[in-house]
Amino acid sequence: MIQNNLQRILVLLVTLALLVNTAAATCNIVIITDPTGTDPNGAAAGSMSFAENMFQSTFIMSKEKHFTVLSGGEGNSTPRLAAIVETINRLNNGATASEAASAASSYSGIRVMTGGPTIGAAVGGSFDAYVVTVAGDGTITATPVSSGLATLPAGQKGAIIHLRNTHGNPLYGTAETVRQETAVMIGKMIRDGYPATEILGAAFEKVAVESGEKYGGGGNNLVSSITTGDMFTPSKLNTTGYPMDEPYAKECPTDGWSVAYPAAENYQTCPYDGTPLKTVYAYDALKDKITVTSNSTTVSVYGTDAAGVSETTDEIVTYSVKKNGYNSATIATAINNAIDNGLLVGVNYIEPKDINIVESTRSVGVYFKPLPDGRTSPPWNLPISTSILDIVGSIQTAIGLILIILVLFRSTLISSFLKKRR
């Protein structure tokens, strides 16, 4: 399965390389707070940049093997894709993080960062980074590294952060200072016991605000295999992603109902209970998306690529779980009601058996069935049989044909009728 998923991603990367201008993530971060891999939030990674085209290719994640590949650099997009492919192949064949990241050194101007909860992290190629380590006694070490190969060893708490400024960024020239300060901040947060996913959100905030390398991109939870996906990536080619330092949504602190910008501008209170809404910035939305908590629900959607279905289903399931718990029947009812109300378009009705719940990991999988005959919405659930409607339709068709014949031949029929009366 991992091979099929990664092959699909690589095909997408090649397609993008043919269609878009050269793009490179200028901020790459891997953070490991639990090198044993047992903490569900113990390893996280992400990318962002001031540049255009920050698609998910900049933060690839293997859900099966729990590693990430972050890419960037100033070189051409084609060798960058080759470096990504080689790095993934090495990781799939059991290479260490440093062995995999060293693939980037064969391609001029290219950078690849990789890591996972139990394999450590490494960055190879062209980079300006800090390697952060946190010892058992709380000692923090932040070491500047530049190009070649740098490694965070397996079994070590720490992080690697790369940061450069993109040409044209109004805050150009700030990267060196922000890189160092963010590395130290990450080290302190690791020492103080924060999970990797929360630290990633804080690092994104600081980098976005102070260096201007602020467009998503996005992040991955490498232990629990949760990704922000296309939450912050550009919706159109040759455009920038979502600004990570700007408001992303408004949320009800009581029941979790939320609405994203720009629609959020029209809401001040929760439509369900009237509670004033809280503004959620993009860096916090990233943290909330990839962090597993007692109140969080991870929703996966299968069987459809229809636009907006995944995001809307996520909101519906999350609200249903908070209201009724992990109940497949109530979740199915909520989804089907959304289909009837036009909130979900392009998918068929589901049954409780189409919902897979793993309550121990607070995850819900929704399996949509394809609509028959190219339909865009399910057939109406009418109180009478569709066969009766077919019969009625046939009768109407026959009557219609008779009326047409009568109209076309009315003069002939009238003359014939008059002749018979004589």
Protein backbone atom coordinates (compact mmCIF):
# COMPACT_ATOMS: atom_id res chain seq x y z
CA MET A 1 0.00 0.00 0.00
CA ILE A 2 2.81 2.41 0.86
CA GLN A 3 4.34 1.90 -2.58
CA ASN A 4 1.05 2.68 -4.31
CA ASN A 5 0.47 5.83 -2.26
CA LEU A 6 3.98 7.14 -2.78
CA GLN A 7 3.86 6.34 -6.49
CA ARG A 8 0.69 8.45 -6.78
CA ILE A 9 2.43 11.30 -4.98
CA LEU A 10 5.47 11.11 -7.24
CA VAL A 11 3.29 11.14 -10.36
CA LEU A 12 1.64 14.26 -8.96
CA LEU A 13 5.03 15.84 -8.33
CA VAL A 14 6.17 15.23 -11.89
CA THR A 15 2.90 16.69 -13.20
CA LEU A 16 3.31 19.76 -11.02
CA ALA A 17 6.89 20.20 -12.19
CA LEU A 18 5.63 20.43 -15.76
CA LEU A 19 2.89 22.93 -14.92
CA VAL A 20 4.19 25.29 -12.27
CA ASN A 21 7.07 27.66 -11.69
CA THR A 22 9.95 26.44 -9.55
CA ALA A 23 8.95 26.37 -5.87
CA ALA A 24 10.95 25.59 -2.76
CA ALA A 25 10.15 25.41 0.93
CA THR A 26 12.49 27.80 2.73
CA CYS A 27 11.55 26.60 6.23
CA ASN A 28 11.79 22.90 7.09
CA ILE A 29 11.43 21.59 10.65
CA VAL A 30 11.58 18.12 12.21
CA ILE A 31 10.96 17.86 15.98
CA ILE A 32 11.26 14.69 18.09
CA THR A 33 10.21 14.85 21.74
CA ASP A 34 9.76 11.11 22.28
CA PRO A 35 12.33 9.01 20.39
CA THR A 36 10.64 5.78 21.57
CA GLY A 37 7.65 6.43 19.34
CA THR A 38 5.07 5.81 22.08
CA ASP A 39 3.78 9.37 22.61
CA PRO A 40 1.07 9.96 19.95
CA ASN A 41 2.34 13.56 19.62
CA GLY A 42 6.03 12.79 20.04
CA ALA A 43 7.31 13.61 16.53
CA ALA A 44 6.24 16.29 14.07
CA ALA A 45 7.49 17.96 10.92
CA GLY A 46 6.46 20.67 8.49
CA SER A 47 7.37 23.17 5.78
CA MET A 48 6.41 26.68 4.70
CA SER A 49 7.82 29.50 2.58
CA PHE A 50 7.29 32.96 1.15
CA ALA A 51 7.45 31.31 -2.28
CA GLU A 52 4.56 30.16 -4.49
CA ASN A 53 3.27 26.61 -5.01
CA MET A 54 3.64 25.28 -1.49
CA PHE A 55 1.92 21.99 -2.29
CA GLN A 56 2.01 18.88 -0.14
CA SER A 57 5.05 17.64 -2.05
CA THR A 58 7.06 19.82 0.34
CA PHE A 59 6.01 17.71 3.34
CA ILE A 60 5.48 14.11 2.25
CA MET A 61 4.63 11.60 4.97
CA SER A 62 4.47 7.81 5.04
CA LYS A 63 1.52 6.81 7.22
CA GLU A 64 2.68 3.18 7.26
CA LYS A 65 6.38 3.70 8.10
CA HIS A 66 6.05 7.00 9.97
CA PHE A 67 8.73 9.01 8.22
CA THR A 68 8.62 12.42 6.56
CA VAL A 69 10.46 13.91 3.60
CA LEU A 70 10.69 17.72 3.46
CA SER A 71 12.11 19.28 0.32
CA GLY A 72 13.44 22.63 -0.82
CA GLY A 73 16.45 24.45 -2.19
CA GLU A 74 17.20 26.87 -4.98
CA GLY A 75 17.92 24.28 -7.65
CA ASN A 76 15.68 23.24 -10.54
CA SER A 77 12.47 21.37 -9.72
CA THR A 78 13.37 18.28 -11.76
CA PRO A 79 16.50 17.32 -9.77
CA ARG A 80 14.60 18.13 -6.56
CA LEU A 81 12.00 15.52 -7.52
CA ALA A 82 14.78 13.06 -8.27
CA ALA A 83 16.27 13.70 -4.83
CA ILE A 84 12.87 13.15 -3.19
CA VAL A 85 12.37 9.86 -5.06
CA GLU A 86 15.84 8.62 -4.07
CA THR A 87 15.31 9.61 -0.43
CA ILE A 88 11.99 7.77 -0.25
CA ASN A 89 13.45 4.68 -1.90
CA ARG A 90 16.28 4.60 0.61
CA LEU A 91 13.91 4.94 3.58
CA ASN A 92 11.67 2.19 2.22
CA ASN A 93 14.73 -0.05 2.00
CA GLY A 94 15.65 0.49 5.65
CA ALA A 95 18.16 3.34 5.40
CA THR A 96 18.87 5.58 8.37
CA ALA A 97 17.76 9.20 8.27
CA SER A 98 21.29 10.37 7.46
CA GLU A 99 21.76 7.76 4.72
CA ALA A 100 18.47 8.84 3.15
CA ALA A 101 19.06 12.60 3.39
CA SER A 102 22.54 12.28 1.89
CA ALA A 103 20.83 11.63 -1.47
CA ALA A 104 20.37 15.40 -1.82
CA SER A 105 24.12 15.98 -2.03
CA SER A 106 24.09 14.51 -5.54
CA TYR A 107 21.89 17.35 -6.82
CA SER A 108 23.10 20.94 -7.00
CA GLY A 109 21.20 23.44 -4.85
CA ILE A 110 18.75 20.85 -3.53
CA ARG A 111 17.83 20.22 0.10
CA VAL A 112 16.09 17.21 1.64
CA MET A 113 15.21 16.86 5.31
CA THR A 114 13.87 13.61 6.67
CA GLY A 115 13.06 12.02 10.00
CA GLY A 116 10.79 9.86 12.10
CA PRO A 117 10.05 9.14 15.76
CA THR A 118 12.52 6.26 16.06
CA ILE A 119 15.02 6.95 13.23
CA GLY A 120 16.07 10.45 14.26
CA ALA A 121 16.36 13.20 11.66
CA ALA A 122 18.81 14.49 9.08
CA VAL A 123 19.18 17.22 6.47
CA GLY A 124 21.30 16.92 3.35
CA GLY A 125 22.31 19.09 0.41
CA SER A 126 22.19 22.89 0.45
CA PHE A 127 20.99 24.28 3.80
CA ASP A 128 21.49 26.70 6.68
CA ALA A 129 20.15 25.00 9.76
CA TYR A 130 20.45 24.35 13.49
CA VAL A 131 20.57 20.91 15.06
CA VAL A 132 19.01 21.04 18.53
CA THR A 133 19.59 18.37 21.17
CA VAL A 134 18.16 18.16 24.68
CA ALA A 135 19.98 15.93 27.17
CA GLY A 136 18.38 14.00 30.00
CA ASP A 137 19.51 16.64 32.51
CA GLY A 138 17.81 19.39 30.47
CA THR A 139 20.96 20.70 28.80
CA ILE A 140 20.11 22.33 25.47
CA THR A 141 22.59 22.42 22.61
CA ALA A 142 21.86 24.36 19.41
CA THR A 143 24.55 23.81 16.77
CA PRO A 144 24.63 25.82 13.52
CA VAL A 145 25.21 23.66 10.42
CA SER A 146 25.56 24.65 6.78
CA SER A 147 25.35 22.37 3.71
CA GLY A 148 26.55 18.81 3.35
CA LEU A 149 24.89 16.53 5.92
CA ALA A 150 23.71 17.11 9.49
CA THR A 151 22.05 14.55 11.76
CA LEU A 152 19.92 14.31 14.88
CA PRO A 153 20.77 10.78 16.07
CA ALA A 154 18.12 8.14 16.66
CA GLY A 155 17.12 7.95 20.32
CA GLN A 156 17.86 11.64 20.89
CA LYS A 157 15.32 14.31 21.85
CA GLY A 158 15.79 17.32 19.64
CA ALA A 159 15.07 18.98 16.33
CA ILE A 160 16.46 20.29 13.07
CA ILE A 161 15.30 23.65 11.70
CA HIS A 162 16.30 25.05 8.32
CA LEU A 163 15.41 28.64 7.45
CA ARG A 164 16.38 30.99 4.64
CA ASN A 165 14.65 34.07 3.24
CA THR A 166 13.01 34.03 -0.18
CA HIS A 167 13.99 36.78 -2.60
CA GLY A 168 11.23 39.37 -2.65
CA ASN A 169 10.24 38.78 0.97
CA PRO A 170 9.80 42.20 2.66
CA LEU A 171 11.55 40.76 5.74
CA TYR A 172 14.56 39.55 3.73
CA GLY A 173 17.67 39.39 5.91
CA THR A 174 15.94 38.20 9.08
CA ALA A 175 16.44 34.46 8.57
CA GLU A 176 19.75 34.10 10.41
CA THR A 177 18.48 35.68 13.63
CA VAL A 178 15.06 34.00 13.53
CA ARG A 179 16.65 30.62 12.74
CA GLN A 180 18.81 30.81 15.88
CA GLU A 181 16.08 32.15 18.15
CA THR A 182 13.55 29.56 16.97
CA ALA A 183 16.06 26.75 17.52
CA VAL A 184 16.61 27.88 21.11
CA MET A 185 12.84 28.22 21.67
CA ILE A 186 12.29 24.68 20.36
CA GLY A 187 14.98 23.38 22.71
CA LYS A 188 13.40 25.08 25.74
CA MET A 189 9.94 23.75 24.87
CA ILE A 190 11.32 20.19 24.49
CA ARG A 191 13.07 20.55 27.86
CA ASP A 192 9.84 21.80 29.46
CA GLY A 193 7.85 18.79 28.25
CA TYR A 194 5.75 20.19 25.40
CA PRO A 195 4.75 17.65 22.70
CA ALA A 196 6.33 17.92 19.25
CA THR A 197 3.06 18.87 17.56
CA GLU A 198 2.51 21.86 19.86
CA ILE A 199 6.12 22.97 19.44
CA LEU A 200 5.74 22.85 15.66
CA GLY A 201 2.78 25.23 15.87
CA ALA A 202 4.78 27.65 18.05
CA ALA A 203 7.77 27.47 15.68
CA PHE A 204 5.53 28.17 12.68
CA GLU A 205 4.13 31.23 14.46
CA LYS A 206 7.55 32.68 15.23
CA VAL A 207 9.00 32.00 11.80
CA ALA A 208 5.93 33.34 9.98
CA VAL A 209 5.70 36.56 12.01
CA GLU A 210 9.39 37.39 12.33
CA SER A 211 10.93 36.12 9.08
CA GLY A 212 8.02 36.44 6.64
CA GLU A 213 8.45 32.87 5.37
CA LYS A 214 4.80 32.37 6.19
CA TYR A 215 2.84 30.55 3.51
CA GLY A 216 1.73 26.90 3.89
CA GLY A 217 2.85 24.21 3.41
CA GLY A 218 1.69 22.47 6.48
CA GLY A 219 2.59 19.88 9.06
CA ASN A 220 2.58 16.18 9.91
CA ASN A 221 2.21 14.16 13.11
CA LEU A 222 4.70 11.38 12.39
CA VAL A 223 3.56 9.03 15.15
CA SER A 224 -0.21 9.22 14.72
CA SER A 225 0.01 9.70 10.92
CA ILE A 226 -2.07 12.89 10.86
CA THR A 227 -1.41 15.59 8.28
CA THR A 228 -2.82 19.03 7.58
CA GLY A 229 -3.02 17.92 3.93
CA ASP A 230 -4.25 20.79 1.76
CA MET A 231 -5.54 22.98 4.62
CA PHE A 232 -2.94 25.65 3.89
CA THR A 233 -1.58 24.77 0.45
CA PRO A 234 -2.51 26.98 -2.55
CA SER A 235 -5.78 26.25 -4.30
CA LYS A 236 -4.38 27.46 -7.64
CA LEU A 237 -1.08 26.95 -9.43
CA ASN A 238 1.59 29.65 -9.21
CA THR A 239 0.04 31.24 -6.10
CA THR A 240 1.03 31.35 -2.46
CA GLY A 241 -0.48 29.18 0.25
CA TYR A 242 -2.40 30.35 3.30
CA PRO A 243 -0.57 32.89 5.53
CA MET A 244 0.26 30.99 8.71
CA ASP A 245 0.19 34.16 10.83
CA GLU A 246 -3.37 35.21 9.87
CA PRO A 247 -6.81 34.18 11.23
CA TYR A 248 -7.93 30.86 9.74
CA ALA A 249 -11.29 30.18 11.40
CA LYS A 250 -13.67 31.06 14.21
CA GLU A 251 -14.57 28.35 16.71
CA CYS A 252 -17.15 27.88 19.44
CA PRO A 253 -15.31 27.06 22.70
CA THR A 254 -18.38 25.21 23.99
CA ASP A 255 -19.30 22.67 21.31
CA GLY A 256 -16.42 22.96 18.84
CA TRP A 257 -18.47 24.28 15.91
CA SER A 258 -16.23 26.24 13.56
CA VAL A 259 -16.31 28.17 10.32
CA ALA A 260 -13.34 29.10 8.15
CA TYR A 261 -12.46 32.48 6.68
CA PRO A 262 -13.64 34.34 4.67
CA ALA A 263 -17.11 33.03 5.67
CA ALA A 264 -16.09 33.45 9.34
CA GLU A 265 -16.32 37.22 8.93
CA ASN A 266 -20.12 36.86 8.92
CA TYR A 267 -20.27 35.11 12.31
CA GLN A 268 -19.77 36.55 15.78
CA THR A 269 -21.57 33.92 17.86
CA CYS A 270 -22.19 30.17 17.61
CA PRO A 271 -25.39 29.41 15.66
CA TYR A 272 -26.19 26.54 18.07
CA ASP A 273 -25.83 28.10 21.52
CA GLY A 274 -25.01 31.80 20.98
CA THR A 275 -21.54 31.56 22.55
CA PRO A 276 -19.07 34.25 21.32
CA LEU A 277 -16.68 32.69 18.81
CA LYS A 278 -12.93 32.45 19.31
CA THR A 279 -10.60 33.45 16.46
CA VAL A 280 -8.17 30.66 15.54
CA TYR A 281 -4.95 31.64 13.75
CA ALA A 282 -3.49 29.35 11.11
CA TYR A 283 -0.54 28.25 13.25
CA ASP A 284 -2.98 27.20 16.00
CA ALA A 285 -5.23 25.47 13.44
CA LEU A 286 -2.17 23.50 12.32
CA LYS A 287 -1.34 22.52 15.90
CA ASP A 288 -4.96 21.53 16.64
CA LYS A 289 -5.23 19.50 13.43
CA ILE A 290 -2.21 17.28 14.07
CA THR A 291 -2.34 17.03 17.88
CA VAL A 292 -4.13 14.04 19.38
CA THR A 293 -6.06 14.97 22.55
CA SER A 294 -8.85 13.47 24.62
CA ASN A 295 -11.24 15.80 22.79
CA SER A 296 -9.86 15.40 19.27
CA THR A 297 -11.18 13.20 16.50
CA THR A 298 -9.18 12.20 13.43
CA VAL A 299 -11.46 11.78 10.41
CA SER A 300 -10.40 9.98 7.23
CA VAL A 301 -12.55 9.96 4.09
CA TYR A 302 -12.41 7.22 1.46
CA GLY A 303 -14.14 6.51 -1.84
CA THR A 304 -14.37 10.05 -3.21
CA ASP A 305 -12.20 12.94 -4.36
CA ALA A 306 -15.12 15.35 -4.70
CA ALA A 307 -14.16 18.89 -3.76
CA GLY A 308 -14.95 19.91 -0.19
CA VAL A 309 -16.25 16.50 0.90
CA SER A 310 -13.30 15.66 3.15
CA GLU A 311 -13.36 18.99 5.01
CA THR A 312 -17.15 19.06 5.43
CA THR A 313 -17.27 15.42 6.56
CA ASP A 314 -14.55 16.18 9.12
CA GLU A 315 -16.66 18.98 10.62
CA ILE A 316 -19.85 16.89 10.64
CA VAL A 317 -18.21 13.85 12.26
CA THR A 318 -16.34 15.94 14.83
CA TYR A 319 -19.54 17.68 15.88
CA SER A 320 -21.47 14.38 16.00
CA VAL A 321 -18.81 12.72 18.17
CA LYS A 322 -18.77 15.63 20.61
CA LYS A 323 -22.55 15.51 20.86
CA ASN A 324 -23.29 11.75 20.75
CA GLY A 325 -19.95 10.00 21.20
CA TYR A 326 -18.39 7.39 18.90
CA ASN A 327 -21.66 6.00 17.57
CA SER A 328 -21.68 4.86 13.96
CA ALA A 329 -25.47 5.15 13.66
CA THR A 330 -25.62 8.79 14.78
CA ILE A 331 -22.60 9.68 12.65
CA ALA A 332 -24.24 8.10 9.59
CA THR A 333 -27.47 9.98 10.31
CA ALA A 334 -25.60 13.29 10.60
CA ILE A 335 -23.82 12.71 7.30
CA ASN A 336 -27.00 11.69 5.49
CA ASN A 337 -28.81 14.75 6.85
CA ALA A 338 -25.98 16.89 5.48
CA ILE A 339 -26.45 15.26 2.07
CA ASP A 340 -30.20 15.98 2.19
CA ASN A 341 -29.52 19.60 3.18
CA GLY A 342 -27.02 20.11 0.36
CA LEU A 343 -23.98 20.50 2.64
CA LEU A 344 -22.38 17.40 1.09
CA VAL A 345 -22.55 17.14 -2.69
CA GLY A 346 -21.34 14.39 -4.99
CA VAL A 347 -21.58 11.47 -2.55
CA ASN A 348 -24.12 8.74 -1.87
CA TYR A 349 -25.92 7.99 1.38
CA ILE A 350 -24.01 5.83 3.86
CA GLU A 351 -24.92 3.21 6.44
CA PRO A 352 -23.42 2.59 9.90
CA LYS A 353 -21.41 -0.29 8.42
CA ASP A 354 -19.65 2.25 6.16
CA ILE A 355 -18.10 3.89 9.22
CA ASN A 356 -15.01 2.44 10.87
CA ILE A 357 -14.37 3.65 14.43
CA VAL A 358 -11.18 3.05 16.44
CA GLU A 359 -12.04 4.72 19.71
CA SER A 360 -8.65 3.99 21.33
CA THR A 361 -6.98 6.33 18.82
CA ARG A 362 -10.04 8.60 18.50
CA SER A 363 -10.22 8.03 14.76
CA VAL A 364 -13.18 7.64 12.39
CA GLY A 365 -13.04 6.40 8.81
CA VAL A 366 -15.95 7.21 6.49
CA TYR A 367 -16.32 5.11 3.34
CA PHE A 368 -18.45 6.83 0.69
CA LYS A 369 -19.98 4.81 -2.13
CA PRO A 370 -19.77 6.11 -5.71
CA LEU A 371 -23.00 7.50 -7.11
CA PRO A 372 -24.55 5.39 -9.90
CA ASP A 373 -25.01 6.50 -13.50
CA GLY A 374 -22.88 9.62 -13.14
CA ARG A 375 -25.33 11.27 -10.73
CA THR A 376 -24.20 14.26 -8.65
CA SER A 377 -26.66 13.55 -5.82
CA PRO A 378 -28.44 10.48 -4.46
CA PRO A 379 -31.97 9.65 -5.66
CA TRP A 380 -34.82 11.01 -3.57
CA ASN A 381 -36.09 8.77 -0.80
CA LEU A 382 -39.76 8.82 -1.85
CA PRO A 383 -42.62 7.06 -0.03
CA ILE A 384 -43.63 5.14 -3.19
CA SER A 385 -41.74 2.65 -5.32
CA THR A 386 -39.66 3.96 -8.21
CA SER A 387 -41.22 1.26 -10.41
CA ILE A 388 -44.60 2.95 -9.94
CA LEU A 389 -43.05 6.23 -11.02
CA ASP A 390 -41.66 4.51 -14.10
CA ILE A 391 -45.16 3.25 -14.98
CA VAL A 392 -46.67 6.69 -14.39
CA GLY A 393 -43.95 8.21 -16.52
CA SER A 394 -44.67 5.73 -19.32
CA ILE A 395 -48.40 6.53 -19.16
CA GLN A 396 -47.64 10.25 -19.31
CA THR A 397 -45.38 9.66 -22.28
CA ALA A 398 -48.10 7.71 -24.11
CA ILE A 399 -50.69 10.41 -23.40
CA GLY A 400 -48.26 13.04 -24.59
CA LEU A 401 -47.70 11.19 -27.85
CA ILE A 402 -51.46 10.88 -28.41
CA LEU A 403 -51.91 14.60 -27.85
CA ILE A 404 -49.12 15.37 -30.30
CA ILE A 405 -50.78 13.15 -32.92
CA LEU A 406 -54.09 14.86 -32.33
CA VAL A 407 -52.51 18.29 -32.81
CA LEU A 408 -50.64 17.31 -35.97
CA PHE A 409 -53.59 15.61 -37.64
CA ARG A 410 -56.48 17.54 -36.16
CA SER A 411 -57.70 18.93 -39.51
CA THR A 412 -57.67 15.47 -41.09
CA LEU A 413 -59.40 13.93 -38.10
CA ILE A 414 -62.04 16.67 -37.99
CA SER A 415 -62.79 16.31 -41.74
CA SER A 416 -63.06 12.54 -41.38
CA PHE A 417 -65.39 12.92 -38.42
CA LEU A 418 -67.65 15.40 -40.31
CA LYS A 419 -67.83 13.13 -43.37
CA LYS A 420 -68.96 10.22 -41.19
CA ARG A 421 -71.73 12.38 -39.67
CA ARG A 422 -73.12 13.14 -43.09
